[in-house]
PDB file of all heavy atoms in Angstrom:
ATOM      1  N   THR A   1       2.795  -6.590   0.620  1.00  0.00           N
ATOM      2  CA  THR A   1       3.200  -5.236   0.644  1.00  0.00           C
ATOM      3  C   THR A   1       2.069  -4.335   0.979  1.00  0.00           C
ATOM      4  O   THR A   1       2.095  -3.389   1.756  1.00  0.00           O
ATOM      5  CB  THR A   1       3.853  -4.775  -0.682  1.00  0.00           C
ATOM      6  OG1 THR A   1       4.874  -5.751  -1.023  1.00  0.00           O
ATOM      7  CG2 THR A   1       4.343  -3.331  -0.544  1.00  0.00           C
ATOM      8  N   ALA A   2       0.779  -4.671   0.495  1.00  0.00           N
ATOM      9  CA  ALA A   2      -0.360  -3.922   0.750  1.00  0.00           C
ATOM     10  C   ALA A   2      -0.749  -4.074   2.268  1.00  0.00           C
ATOM     11  O   ALA A   2      -1.201  -3.122   2.879  1.00  0.00           O
ATOM     12  CB  ALA A   2      -1.543  -4.367  -0.071  1.00  0.00           C
ATOM     13  N   ALA A   3      -0.715  -5.249   2.724  1.00  0.00           N
ATOM     14  CA  ALA A   3      -0.889  -5.603   4.174  1.00  0.00           C
ATOM     15  C   ALA A   3       0.067  -4.723   5.048  1.00  0.00           C
ATOM     16  O   ALA A   3      -0.371  -4.219   5.984  1.00  0.00           O
ATOM     17  CB  ALA A   3      -0.828  -7.027   4.484  1.00  0.00           C
ATOM     18  N   GLU A   4       1.408  -4.771   4.621  1.00  0.00           N
ATOM     19  CA  GLU A   4       2.298  -3.977   5.465  1.00  0.00           C
ATOM     20  C   GLU A   4       2.000  -2.532   5.407  1.00  0.00           C
ATOM     21  O   GLU A   4       2.056  -1.772   6.434  1.00  0.00           O
ATOM     22  CB  GLU A   4       3.768  -4.284   4.990  1.00  0.00           C
ATOM     23  CG  GLU A   4       4.750  -3.617   5.829  1.00  0.00           C
ATOM     24  CD  GLU A   4       6.177  -3.795   5.417  1.00  0.00           C
ATOM     25  OE1 GLU A   4       6.432  -4.420   4.401  1.00  0.00           O
ATOM     26  OE2 GLU A   4       7.112  -3.146   6.037  1.00  0.00           O
ATOM     27  N   ALA A   5       1.571  -2.046   4.222  1.00  0.00           N
ATOM     28  CA  ALA A   5       1.221  -0.647   4.079  1.00  0.00           C
ATOM     29  C   ALA A   5       0.098  -0.242   5.030  1.00  0.00           C
ATOM     30  O   ALA A   5       0.125   0.797   5.734  1.00  0.00           O
ATOM     31  CB  ALA A   5       0.916  -0.319   2.676  1.00  0.00           C
ATOM     32  N   TYR A   6      -0.945  -1.099   5.041  1.00  0.00           N
ATOM     33  CA  TYR A   6      -2.097  -0.834   5.999  1.00  0.00           C
ATOM     34  C   TYR A   6      -1.627  -0.810   7.443  1.00  0.00           C
ATOM     35  O   TYR A   6      -2.017   0.124   8.288  1.00  0.00           O
ATOM     36  CB  TYR A   6      -3.073  -1.939   5.753  1.00  0.00           C
ATOM     37  CG  TYR A   6      -4.280  -1.874   6.665  1.00  0.00           C
ATOM     38  CD1 TYR A   6      -5.190  -0.880   6.560  1.00  0.00           C
ATOM     39  CD2 TYR A   6      -4.413  -2.745   7.802  1.00  0.00           C
ATOM     40  CE1 TYR A   6      -6.295  -0.782   7.473  1.00  0.00           C
ATOM     41  CE2 TYR A   6      -5.422  -2.774   8.634  1.00  0.00           C
ATOM     42  CZ  TYR A   6      -6.383  -1.708   8.450  1.00  0.00           C
ATOM     43  OH  TYR A   6      -7.498  -1.655   9.513  1.00  0.00           O
ATOM     44  N   LEU A   7      -0.796  -1.811   7.830  1.00  0.00           N
ATOM     45  CA  LEU A   7      -0.431  -1.789   9.206  1.00  0.00           C
ATOM     46  C   LEU A   7       0.552  -0.658   9.532  1.00  0.00           C
ATOM     47  O   LEU A   7       0.481  -0.125  10.712  1.00  0.00           O
ATOM     48  CB  LEU A   7       0.203  -3.191   9.449  1.00  0.00           C
ATOM     49  CG  LEU A   7      -0.734  -4.380   9.483  1.00  0.00           C
ATOM     50  CD1 LEU A   7       0.065  -5.713   9.548  1.00  0.00           C
ATOM     51  CD2 LEU A   7      -1.664  -4.362  10.614  1.00  0.00           C
ATOM     52  N   ARG A   8       1.442  -0.270   8.661  1.00  0.00           N
ATOM     53  CA  ARG A   8       2.275   0.844   8.929  1.00  0.00           C
ATOM     54  C   ARG A   8       1.440   2.113   9.061  1.00  0.00           C
ATOM     55  O   ARG A   8       1.702   2.964   9.933  1.00  0.00           O
ATOM     56  CB  ARG A   8       3.349   1.047   7.788  1.00  0.00           C
ATOM     57  CG  ARG A   8       4.265  -0.041   7.564  1.00  0.00           C
ATOM     58  CD  ARG A   8       5.374  -0.030   8.576  1.00  0.00           C
ATOM     59  NE  ARG A   8       6.319  -1.080   8.387  1.00  0.00           N
ATOM     60  CZ  ARG A   8       7.217  -1.445   9.351  1.00  0.00           C
ATOM     61  NH1 ARG A   8       7.296  -0.887  10.469  1.00  0.00           N
ATOM     62  NH2 ARG A   8       8.021  -2.493   9.084  1.00  0.00           N
ATOM     63  N   GLU A   9       0.389   2.257   8.311  1.00  0.00           N
ATOM     64  CA  GLU A   9      -0.446   3.517   8.354  1.00  0.00           C
ATOM     65  C   GLU A   9      -1.090   3.487   9.682  1.00  0.00           C
ATOM     66  O   GLU A   9      -1.119   4.564  10.468  1.00  0.00           O
ATOM     67  CB  GLU A   9      -1.512   3.517   7.218  1.00  0.00           C
ATOM     68  CG  GLU A   9      -2.383   4.767   7.422  1.00  0.00           C
ATOM     69  CD  GLU A   9      -3.427   4.786   6.441  1.00  0.00           C
ATOM     70  OE1 GLU A   9      -3.528   3.896   5.513  1.00  0.00           O
ATOM     71  OE2 GLU A   9      -4.310   5.708   6.407  1.00  0.00           O
ATOM     72  N   ARG A  10      -1.531   2.344  10.190  1.00  0.00           N
ATOM     73  CA  ARG A  10      -2.278   2.340  11.471  1.00  0.00           C
ATOM     74  C   ARG A  10      -1.351   2.519  12.696  1.00  0.00           C
ATOM     75  O   ARG A  10      -1.718   2.995  13.641  1.00  0.00           O
ATOM     76  CB  ARG A  10      -2.904   0.876  11.723  1.00  0.00           C
ATOM     77  CG  ARG A  10      -4.173   0.751  10.848  1.00  0.00           C
ATOM     78  CD  ARG A  10      -5.149  -0.384  11.399  1.00  0.00           C
ATOM     79  NE  ARG A  10      -5.558   0.018  12.756  1.00  0.00           N
ATOM     80  CZ  ARG A  10      -5.556  -0.811  13.823  1.00  0.00           C
ATOM     81  NH1 ARG A  10      -5.113  -2.023  13.693  1.00  0.00           N
ATOM     82  NH2 ARG A  10      -6.019  -0.391  14.967  1.00  0.00           N
ATOM     83  N   ASP A  11      -0.057   2.222  12.388  1.00  0.00           N
ATOM     84  CA  ASP A  11       0.974   2.488  13.419  1.00  0.00           C
ATOM     85  C   ASP A  11       1.500   3.893  13.414  1.00  0.00           C
ATOM     86  O   ASP A  11       2.401   4.302  14.177  1.00  0.00           O
ATOM     87  CB  ASP A  11       2.115   1.492  13.229  1.00  0.00           C
ATOM     88  CG  ASP A  11       3.011   1.425  14.409  1.00  0.00           C
ATOM     89  OD1 ASP A  11       2.586   1.554  15.569  1.00  0.00           O
ATOM     90  OD2 ASP A  11       4.284   1.320  14.207  1.00  0.00           O
ATOM     91  N   GLY A  12       1.004   4.713  12.377  1.00  0.00           N
ATOM     92  CA  GLY A  12       1.382   6.130  12.312  1.00  0.00           C
ATOM     93  C   GLY A  12       2.567   6.469  11.494  1.00  0.00           C
ATOM     94  O   GLY A  12       2.957   7.622  11.339  1.00  0.00           O
ATOM     95  N   ASP A  13       3.124   5.482  10.789  1.00  0.00           N
ATOM     96  CA  ASP A  13       4.257   5.699   9.890  1.00  0.00           C
ATOM     97  C   ASP A  13       3.662   5.937   8.528  1.00  0.00           C
ATOM     98  O   ASP A  13       3.731   5.091   7.658  1.00  0.00           O
ATOM     99  CB  ASP A  13       5.215   4.480   9.906  1.00  0.00           C
ATOM    100  CG  ASP A  13       6.579   4.728   9.195  1.00  0.00           C
ATOM    101  OD1 ASP A  13       6.656   5.821   8.566  1.00  0.00           O
ATOM    102  OD2 ASP A  13       7.470   3.916   9.330  1.00  0.00           O
ATOM    103  N   LEU A  14       3.232   7.171   8.264  1.00  0.00           N
ATOM    104  CA  LEU A  14       2.679   7.618   7.000  1.00  0.00           C
ATOM    105  C   LEU A  14       3.572   7.489   5.809  1.00  0.00           C
ATOM    106  O   LEU A  14       3.163   7.184   4.674  1.00  0.00           O
ATOM    107  CB  LEU A  14       1.932   8.929   7.154  1.00  0.00           C
ATOM    108  CG  LEU A  14       0.803   9.048   8.281  1.00  0.00           C
ATOM    109  CD1 LEU A  14       0.156  10.413   8.059  1.00  0.00           C
ATOM    110  CD2 LEU A  14      -0.115   7.885   8.266  1.00  0.00           C
ATOM    111  N   ALA A  15       4.754   7.925   6.081  1.00  0.00           N
ATOM    112  CA  ALA A  15       5.645   7.924   4.928  1.00  0.00           C
ATOM    113  C   ALA A  15       6.014   6.597   4.390  1.00  0.00           C
ATOM    114  O   ALA A  15       5.944   6.343   3.131  1.00  0.00           O
ATOM    115  CB  ALA A  15       6.982   8.709   5.370  1.00  0.00           C
ATOM    116  N   ALA A  16       6.297   5.634   5.210  1.00  0.00           N
ATOM    117  CA  ALA A  16       6.490   4.259   4.848  1.00  0.00           C
ATOM    118  C   ALA A  16       5.242   3.682   4.256  1.00  0.00           C
ATOM    119  O   ALA A  16       5.328   2.934   3.186  1.00  0.00           O
ATOM    120  CB  ALA A  16       6.975   3.431   6.047  1.00  0.00           C
ATOM    121  N   ALA A  17       4.082   3.944   4.799  1.00  0.00           N
ATOM    122  CA  ALA A  17       2.833   3.422   4.298  1.00  0.00           C
ATOM    123  C   ALA A  17       2.599   3.925   2.868  1.00  0.00           C
ATOM    124  O   ALA A  17       2.105   3.160   1.990  1.00  0.00           O
ATOM    125  CB  ALA A  17       1.644   3.758   5.222  1.00  0.00           C
ATOM    126  N   ALA A  18       2.830   5.223   2.654  1.00  0.00           N
ATOM    127  CA  ALA A  18       2.541   5.794   1.245  1.00  0.00           C
ATOM    128  C   ALA A  18       3.394   5.064   0.274  1.00  0.00           C
ATOM    129  O   ALA A  18       3.065   4.709  -0.764  1.00  0.00           O
ATOM    130  CB  ALA A  18       2.819   7.267   1.288  1.00  0.00           C
ATOM    131  N   ARG A  19       4.745   4.861   0.647  1.00  0.00           N
ATOM    132  CA  ARG A  19       5.710   4.274  -0.195  1.00  0.00           C
ATOM    133  C   ARG A  19       5.279   2.797  -0.587  1.00  0.00           C
ATOM    134  O   ARG A  19       5.366   2.338  -1.697  1.00  0.00           O
ATOM    135  CB  ARG A  19       7.107   4.226   0.426  1.00  0.00           C
ATOM    136  CG  ARG A  19       8.189   3.528  -0.366  1.00  0.00           C
ATOM    137  CD  ARG A  19       9.529   3.560   0.260  1.00  0.00           C
ATOM    138  NE  ARG A  19       9.465   3.271   1.614  1.00  0.00           N
ATOM    139  CZ  ARG A  19       9.528   1.838   2.010  1.00  0.00           C
ATOM    140  NH1 ARG A  19       9.484   0.917   1.132  1.00  0.00           N
ATOM    141  NH2 ARG A  19       9.488   1.525   3.295  1.00  0.00           N
ATOM    142  N   LEU A  20       4.789   2.117   0.499  1.00  0.00           N
ATOM    143  CA  LEU A  20       4.408   0.659   0.304  1.00  0.00           C
ATOM    144  C   LEU A  20       3.206   0.648  -0.458  1.00  0.00           C
ATOM    145  O   LEU A  20       2.963  -0.354  -1.285  1.00  0.00           O
ATOM    146  CB  LEU A  20       4.239   0.050   1.734  1.00  0.00           C
ATOM    147  CG  LEU A  20       5.659  -0.189   2.464  1.00  0.00           C
ATOM    148  CD1 LEU A  20       5.360  -0.474   3.926  1.00  0.00           C
ATOM    149  CD2 LEU A  20       6.369  -1.228   1.798  1.00  0.00           C
ATOM    150  N   TYR A  21       2.178   1.490  -0.188  1.00  0.00           N
ATOM    151  CA  TYR A  21       0.979   1.415  -1.026  1.00  0.00           C
ATOM    152  C   TYR A  21       1.195   1.607  -2.595  1.00  0.00           C
ATOM    153  O   TYR A  21       0.711   0.884  -3.408  1.00  0.00           O
ATOM    154  CB  TYR A  21       0.066   2.638  -0.631  1.00  0.00           C
ATOM    155  CG  TYR A  21      -0.856   2.226   0.595  1.00  0.00           C
ATOM    156  CD1 TYR A  21      -0.931   3.131   1.613  1.00  0.00           C
ATOM    157  CD2 TYR A  21      -1.598   1.098   0.579  1.00  0.00           C
ATOM    158  CE1 TYR A  21      -1.818   2.833   2.681  1.00  0.00           C
ATOM    159  CE2 TYR A  21      -2.460   0.837   1.603  1.00  0.00           C
ATOM    160  CZ  TYR A  21      -2.546   1.688   2.705  1.00  0.00           C
ATOM    161  OH  TYR A  21      -3.353   1.454   3.778  1.00  0.00           O
ATOM    162  N   ALA A  22       2.142   2.554  -2.907  1.00  0.00           N
ATOM    163  CA  ALA A  22       2.585   2.742  -4.325  1.00  0.00           C
ATOM    164  C   ALA A  22       3.314   1.557  -4.837  1.00  0.00           C
ATOM    165  O   ALA A  22       3.053   1.190  -5.983  1.00  0.00           O
ATOM    166  CB  ALA A  22       3.493   4.028  -4.416  1.00  0.00           C
ATOM    167  N   GLU A  23       4.169   0.949  -3.997  1.00  0.00           N
ATOM    168  CA  GLU A  23       4.829  -0.352  -4.470  1.00  0.00           C
ATOM    169  C   GLU A  23       3.872  -1.382  -4.662  1.00  0.00           C
ATOM    170  O   GLU A  23       3.918  -2.219  -5.614  1.00  0.00           O
ATOM    171  CB  GLU A  23       5.838  -0.677  -3.384  1.00  0.00           C
ATOM    172  CG  GLU A  23       6.679  -1.769  -3.711  1.00  0.00           C
ATOM    173  CD  GLU A  23       7.681  -2.124  -2.544  1.00  0.00           C
ATOM    174  OE1 GLU A  23       8.072  -1.248  -1.961  1.00  0.00           O
ATOM    175  OE2 GLU A  23       7.997  -3.397  -2.444  1.00  0.00           O
ATOM    176  N   ALA A  24       2.803  -1.524  -3.744  1.00  0.00           N
ATOM    177  CA  ALA A  24       1.922  -2.617  -3.926  1.00  0.00           C
ATOM    178  C   ALA A  24       1.064  -2.414  -5.148  1.00  0.00           C
ATOM    179  O   ALA A  24       0.565  -3.420  -5.790  1.00  0.00           O
ATOM    180  CB  ALA A  24       0.931  -2.659  -2.673  1.00  0.00           C
ATOM    181  N   ALA A  25       0.785  -1.220  -5.479  1.00  0.00           N
ATOM    182  CA  ALA A  25      -0.159  -0.950  -6.674  1.00  0.00           C
ATOM    183  C   ALA A  25       0.515  -1.516  -7.943  1.00  0.00           C
ATOM    184  O   ALA A  25      -0.078  -1.906  -8.898  1.00  0.00           O
ATOM    185  CB  ALA A  25      -0.310   0.613  -6.899  1.00  0.00           C
ATOM    186  N   LEU A  26       1.918  -1.595  -7.938  1.00  0.00           N
ATOM    187  CA  LEU A  26       2.566  -1.973  -9.152  1.00  0.00           C
ATOM    188  C   LEU A  26       2.389  -3.480  -9.419  1.00  0.00           C
ATOM    189  O   LEU A  26       2.487  -3.955 -10.641  1.00  0.00           O
ATOM    190  CB  LEU A  26       4.102  -1.725  -9.125  1.00  0.00           C
ATOM    191  CG  LEU A  26       4.481  -0.207  -8.944  1.00  0.00           C
ATOM    192  CD1 LEU A  26       5.944  -0.117  -8.745  1.00  0.00           C
ATOM    193  CD2 LEU A  26       4.029   0.564 -10.198  1.00  0.00           C
ATOM    194  N   SER A  27       2.122  -4.243  -8.380  1.00  0.00           N
ATOM    195  CA  SER A  27       1.944  -5.715  -8.525  1.00  0.00           C
ATOM    196  C   SER A  27       0.497  -6.203  -8.270  1.00  0.00           C
ATOM    197  O   SER A  27       0.270  -7.275  -8.088  1.00  0.00           O
ATOM    198  CB  SER A  27       2.936  -6.445  -7.575  1.00  0.00           C
ATOM    199  OG  SER A  27       2.660  -6.065  -6.256  1.00  0.00           O
ATOM    200  N   ALA A  28      -0.384  -5.161  -8.241  1.00  0.00           N
ATOM    201  CA  ALA A  28      -1.755  -5.542  -8.043  1.00  0.00           C
ATOM    202  C   ALA A  28      -2.390  -6.485  -9.019  1.00  0.00           C
ATOM    203  O   ALA A  28      -2.035  -6.381 -10.277  1.00  0.00           O
ATOM    204  CB  ALA A  28      -2.714  -4.269  -7.996  1.00  0.00           C
ATOM    205  N   PRO A  29      -3.191  -7.509  -8.748  1.00  0.00           N
ATOM    206  CA  PRO A  29      -3.571  -8.438  -9.635  1.00  0.00           C
ATOM    207  C   PRO A  29      -4.783  -8.054 -10.598  1.00  0.00           C
ATOM    208  O   PRO A  29      -5.029  -8.647 -11.553  1.00  0.00           O
ATOM    209  CB  PRO A  29      -4.107  -9.628  -8.757  1.00  0.00           C
ATOM    210  CG  PRO A  29      -4.533  -8.961  -7.469  1.00  0.00           C
ATOM    211  CD  PRO A  29      -3.569  -7.807  -7.200  1.00  0.00           C
ATOM    212  N   ASN A  30      -5.399  -6.952 -10.263  1.00  0.00           N
ATOM    213  CA  ASN A  30      -6.384  -6.384 -11.177  1.00  0.00           C
ATOM    214  C   ASN A  30      -6.478  -4.849 -11.074  1.00  0.00           C
ATOM    215  O   ASN A  30      -5.941  -4.231 -10.085  1.00  0.00           O
ATOM    216  CB  ASN A  30      -7.773  -6.971 -10.798  1.00  0.00           C
ATOM    217  CG  ASN A  30      -8.146  -6.737  -9.359  1.00  0.00           C
ATOM    218  OD1 ASN A  30      -8.393  -5.743  -8.891  1.00  0.00           O
ATOM    219  ND2 ASN A  30      -8.174  -7.887  -8.610  1.00  0.00           N
ATOM    220  N   LEU A  31      -7.139  -4.322 -11.996  1.00  0.00           N
ATOM    221  CA  LEU A  31      -7.210  -2.791 -12.186  1.00  0.00           C
ATOM    222  C   LEU A  31      -7.874  -2.083 -10.946  1.00  0.00           C
ATOM    223  O   LEU A  31      -7.377  -1.176 -10.472  1.00  0.00           O
ATOM    224  CB  LEU A  31      -7.865  -2.427 -13.485  1.00  0.00           C
ATOM    225  CG  LEU A  31      -7.942  -0.864 -13.897  1.00  0.00           C
ATOM    226  CD1 LEU A  31      -6.470  -0.389 -13.846  1.00  0.00           C
ATOM    227  CD2 LEU A  31      -8.553  -0.707 -15.165  1.00  0.00           C
ATOM    228  N   PRO A  32      -9.070  -2.588 -10.461  1.00  0.00           N
ATOM    229  CA  PRO A  32      -9.693  -1.900  -9.390  1.00  0.00           C
ATOM    230  C   PRO A  32      -8.799  -1.866  -8.149  1.00  0.00           C
ATOM    231  O   PRO A  32      -8.667  -0.848  -7.534  1.00  0.00           O
ATOM    232  CB  PRO A  32     -10.950  -2.769  -9.123  1.00  0.00           C
ATOM    233  CG  PRO A  32     -11.263  -3.322 -10.489  1.00  0.00           C
ATOM    234  CD  PRO A  32      -9.938  -3.551 -11.094  1.00  0.00           C
ATOM    235  N   GLU A  33      -7.972  -2.909  -7.893  1.00  0.00           N
ATOM    236  CA  GLU A  33      -7.147  -3.055  -6.712  1.00  0.00           C
ATOM    237  C   GLU A  33      -5.920  -2.061  -6.871  1.00  0.00           C
ATOM    238  O   GLU A  33      -5.473  -1.318  -5.973  1.00  0.00           O
ATOM    239  CB  GLU A  33      -6.708  -4.503  -6.510  1.00  0.00           C
ATOM    240  CG  GLU A  33      -6.006  -4.652  -5.162  1.00  0.00           C
ATOM    241  CD  GLU A  33      -5.827  -6.087  -4.815  1.00  0.00           C
ATOM    242  OE1 GLU A  33      -6.586  -6.968  -5.234  1.00  0.00           O
ATOM    243  OE2 GLU A  33      -4.817  -6.370  -4.053  1.00  0.00           O
ATOM    244  N   ARG A  34      -5.441  -1.993  -8.113  1.00  0.00           N
ATOM    245  CA  ARG A  34      -4.416  -1.153  -8.469  1.00  0.00           C
ATOM    246  C   ARG A  34      -4.755   0.303  -8.301  1.00  0.00           C
ATOM    247  O   ARG A  34      -4.036   1.059  -7.617  1.00  0.00           O
ATOM    248  CB  ARG A  34      -3.907  -1.339  -9.877  1.00  0.00           C
ATOM    249  CG  ARG A  34      -2.675  -0.563 -10.329  1.00  0.00           C
ATOM    250  CD  ARG A  34      -2.329  -0.707 -11.616  1.00  0.00           C
ATOM    251  NE  ARG A  34      -2.283  -2.171 -12.059  1.00  0.00           N
ATOM    252  CZ  ARG A  34      -2.227  -2.649 -13.295  1.00  0.00           C
ATOM    253  NH1 ARG A  34      -2.399  -1.913 -14.328  1.00  0.00           N
ATOM    254  NH2 ARG A  34      -2.113  -3.999 -13.474  1.00  0.00           N
ATOM    255  N   ASP A  35      -5.919   0.658  -8.750  1.00  0.00           N
ATOM    256  CA  ASP A  35      -6.481   2.042  -8.511  1.00  0.00           C
ATOM    257  C   ASP A  35      -6.653   2.332  -7.075  1.00  0.00           C
ATOM    258  O   ASP A  35      -6.289   3.510  -6.565  1.00  0.00           O
ATOM    259  CB  ASP A  35      -7.783   2.273  -9.294  1.00  0.00           C
ATOM    260  CG  ASP A  35      -7.570   2.243 -10.802  1.00  0.00           C
ATOM    261  OD1 ASP A  35      -6.415   2.329 -11.279  1.00  0.00           O
ATOM    262  OD2 ASP A  35      -8.515   2.050 -11.503  1.00  0.00           O
ATOM    263  N   HIS A  36      -7.169   1.480  -6.277  1.00  0.00           N
ATOM    264  CA  HIS A  36      -7.420   1.712  -4.899  1.00  0.00           C
ATOM    265  C   HIS A  36      -6.062   1.877  -4.146  1.00  0.00           C
ATOM    266  O   HIS A  36      -5.972   2.942  -3.372  1.00  0.00           O
ATOM    267  CB  HIS A  36      -8.151   0.464  -4.298  1.00  0.00           C
ATOM    268  CG  HIS A  36      -8.136   0.578  -2.732  1.00  0.00           C
ATOM    269  ND1 HIS A  36      -8.957   1.408  -2.087  1.00  0.00           N
ATOM    270  CD2 HIS A  36      -7.526  -0.174  -1.789  1.00  0.00           C
ATOM    271  CE1 HIS A  36      -8.787   1.252  -0.777  1.00  0.00           C
ATOM    272  NE2 HIS A  36      -7.896   0.234  -0.620  1.00  0.00           N
TER     273      HIS A  36
END
């Protein structure tokens, strides 16, 4: 999900990227990655 968020942002779809970043944060394996 984090990889898709990054690629969506680079493709200009900021709304989808923001949603995917937030979704990816929920399953992040550690706190620094979740915060990022």
